[in-house]
Protein backbone atom coordinates (compact mmCIF):
# COMPACT_ATOMS: atom_id res chain seq x y z
CA MET A 1 0.49 5.32 -29.80
CA ARG A 2 3.02 2.49 -28.62
CA PRO A 3 1.45 0.26 -26.03
CA PHE A 4 1.61 1.36 -22.39
CA GLU A 5 4.02 -1.21 -21.73
CA ARG A 6 6.52 0.03 -24.17
CA SER A 7 6.32 3.68 -22.52
CA LEU A 8 9.86 4.71 -21.69
CA PRO A 9 8.45 6.86 -18.34
CA MET A 10 6.69 3.74 -17.30
CA ALA A 11 9.76 1.24 -18.19
CA LEU A 12 11.76 3.88 -15.94
CA LEU A 13 9.26 4.02 -13.23
CA ARG A 14 9.05 0.27 -12.89
CA ALA A 15 12.89 -0.28 -13.11
CA ARG A 16 13.26 2.54 -10.12
CA GLU A 17 10.73 1.10 -8.07
CA ALA A 18 12.51 -2.42 -8.61
CA VAL A 19 15.64 -0.62 -7.42
CA MET A 20 14.25 1.48 -4.56
CA ARG A 21 12.46 -1.69 -2.89
CA GLY A 22 15.78 -2.61 -1.14
CA PHE A 23 16.57 0.70 -0.14
CA ARG A 24 13.43 1.54 1.02
CA ARG A 25 13.67 -1.22 3.73
CA LEU A 26 16.69 0.02 4.89
CA LEU A 27 15.95 3.92 5.18
CA ARG A 28 13.04 2.48 7.04
CA GLY A 29 15.12 0.84 9.95
CA HIS A 30 17.01 3.90 10.29
CA GLY A 31 13.28 6.06 10.60
CA LEU A 32 14.29 7.87 6.99
CA ASN A 33 12.17 8.17 3.62
CA GLU A 34 13.79 8.51 0.64
CA GLN A 35 13.90 12.25 0.08
CA GLU A 36 15.28 12.53 3.75
CA TRP A 37 17.69 10.19 2.58
CA ARG A 38 18.62 12.16 -0.71
CA ILE A 39 19.42 15.54 0.99
CA ILE A 40 21.50 13.58 3.58
CA ARG A 41 23.52 11.64 1.09
CA ALA A 42 23.83 15.15 -1.04
CA LEU A 43 25.14 17.04 2.12
CA ALA A 44 27.63 14.28 3.20
CA GLU A 45 30.05 15.15 0.22
CA VAL A 46 29.92 19.01 0.96
CA GLU A 47 30.36 21.78 3.69
CA ARG A 48 26.98 23.01 2.99
CA LEU A 49 24.58 23.81 0.06
CA GLU A 50 22.11 26.83 -0.41
CA MET A 51 18.85 25.60 0.04
CA GLY A 52 18.06 25.90 -3.88
CA GLU A 53 20.94 24.31 -4.76
CA LEU A 54 20.42 21.51 -2.65
CA ALA A 55 16.64 21.24 -4.31
CA ASP A 56 17.96 21.07 -7.51
CA ARG A 57 20.90 18.56 -6.68
CA VAL A 58 18.53 15.77 -5.27
CA PHE A 59 15.67 16.59 -7.73
CA ILE A 60 13.12 17.89 -5.16
CA LEU A 61 10.74 20.53 -5.55
CA LYS A 62 12.05 23.26 -3.34
CA PRO A 63 8.89 23.55 -1.46
CA SER A 64 8.94 19.84 -0.55
CA ALA A 65 12.91 20.17 0.18
CA THR A 66 12.30 22.87 2.29
CA ARG A 67 9.71 20.85 4.37
CA THR A 68 12.03 18.08 4.47
CA VAL A 69 14.85 19.84 5.54
CA ARG A 70 12.42 21.53 8.56
CA ASN A 71 11.79 17.86 9.38
CA LEU A 72 15.62 16.83 9.51
CA GLN A 73 16.61 20.14 11.31
CA GLY A 74 13.76 19.40 14.10
CA ARG A 75 15.48 16.03 14.63
CA ASP A 76 18.79 17.60 14.46
CA ILE A 77 20.20 15.76 11.62
CA VAL A 78 20.69 18.82 9.58
CA SER A 79 21.37 22.88 10.49
CA ARG A 80 19.95 25.97 8.71
CA ALA A 81 22.06 29.23 8.40
CA ARG A 82 20.85 32.40 6.81
CA ALA A 83 23.68 33.71 4.47
CA ASP A 84 25.44 37.22 5.97
CA SER A 85 24.92 38.71 2.57
CA ASP A 86 21.29 37.66 1.91
CA GLN A 87 19.13 36.84 4.37
CA ARG A 88 16.65 35.36 1.95
CA LYS A 89 19.34 32.76 1.49
CA ALA A 90 19.61 29.63 3.58
CA TYR A 91 22.72 27.21 4.12
CA ILE A 92 22.09 23.74 4.87
CA ALA A 93 24.67 21.42 6.56
CA LEU A 94 24.63 18.03 8.21
CA THR A 95 25.00 18.06 12.00
CA PRO A 96 27.50 15.61 13.83
CA ALA A 97 24.34 13.98 14.66
CA GLY A 98 23.39 13.65 10.68
CA ARG A 99 27.20 12.55 9.75
CA ALA A 100 26.93 10.19 12.39
CA LEU A 101 23.71 8.74 10.85
CA PHE A 102 24.95 9.04 7.31
CA ASP A 103 28.15 6.68 8.65
CA ALA A 104 25.85 4.18 9.85
CA VAL A 105 23.48 3.81 6.72
CA ALA A 106 26.04 4.28 4.35
CA PRO A 107 27.40 0.48 4.71
CA GLU A 108 24.06 -0.94 4.11
CA SER A 109 23.50 1.34 1.29
CA GLU A 110 26.56 -0.14 -0.21
CA ALA A 111 25.57 -3.65 0.58
CA GLU A 112 22.37 -2.69 -1.19
CA TYR A 113 24.36 -1.69 -4.13
CA ALA A 114 26.67 -4.97 -3.85
CA ARG A 115 23.43 -7.06 -3.88
CA LEU A 116 22.00 -5.35 -6.99
CA THR A 117 25.12 -5.22 -8.88
CA ALA A 118 25.39 -9.09 -8.30
CA LEU A 119 21.84 -9.64 -9.46
CA ILE A 120 22.41 -7.64 -12.73
CA GLY A 121 25.84 -8.22 -13.37
CA GLU A 122 28.71 -5.58 -13.18
CA ALA A 123 28.92 -5.03 -16.63
CA ASP A 124 25.43 -4.33 -16.97
CA VAL A 125 25.46 -1.70 -14.11
CA ARG A 126 28.65 -0.06 -15.98
CA ALA A 127 26.52 0.14 -18.87
CA LEU A 128 23.46 1.50 -17.62
CA TYR A 129 25.12 4.02 -15.52
CA ALA A 130 26.53 5.17 -19.07
CA LEU A 131 23.10 4.87 -20.76
CA LEU A 132 21.13 6.65 -18.12
CA ASN A 133 23.85 9.23 -18.10
CA ARG A 134 23.68 10.04 -21.95
CA VAL A 135 20.02 10.19 -21.98
CA GLY A 136 20.37 12.87 -18.90
CA THR A 137 22.68 14.73 -20.90
CA VAL A 138 20.90 14.65 -24.14
CA LEU A 139 17.45 15.54 -22.98
CA GLY A 140 19.19 18.03 -20.44
CA ALA A 141 18.72 16.66 -16.94
CA ARG A 142 17.51 19.26 -14.98
CA GLY A 143 16.39 19.89 -11.31
CA PRO A 144 12.79 19.27 -11.01
CA ASP A 145 11.88 23.41 -10.88
CA ALA A 146 13.40 23.55 -14.21
CA ASP A 147 10.38 23.60 -16.48
CA LEU A 148 8.60 26.28 -14.15
CA PRO A 149 8.73 30.18 -14.86
CA ASP A 150 11.13 31.92 -12.42
CA ASP A 151 8.61 33.17 -10.18
CA GLN A 152 7.06 29.89 -9.23
CA ALA A 153 10.77 27.89 -8.89
């Protein structure tokens, strides 16, 4: 068996933690955690998303995404509306306060990306995106519920 330090999952986790350090700091300054920001960030690009689609898009298990959305809803950052055609489906959208929060955090997030790019180098960042996209495509990246049986997803 390969040495622990050569474990690909551990290498990816170490890299993720190094990248997230700066982002966590700026999110805390706005009273947000990573999962909350991922949901806000995903919703900022669309009018609304169905709850299951949102969970898959942000790679958060649906029960955790539901709790996070409930928390954001309680803070008037997102709204939740039932589908007219299927009351089991809920659509999530940013509220005006949520959009304002996104608009406040986004420039700081971009500044953190600029800092990371300056440290790593633009060519290496582009290569990293390409390689990560390839790994995800080749290995069939799907949402966190993808390996669960349908009755548990």
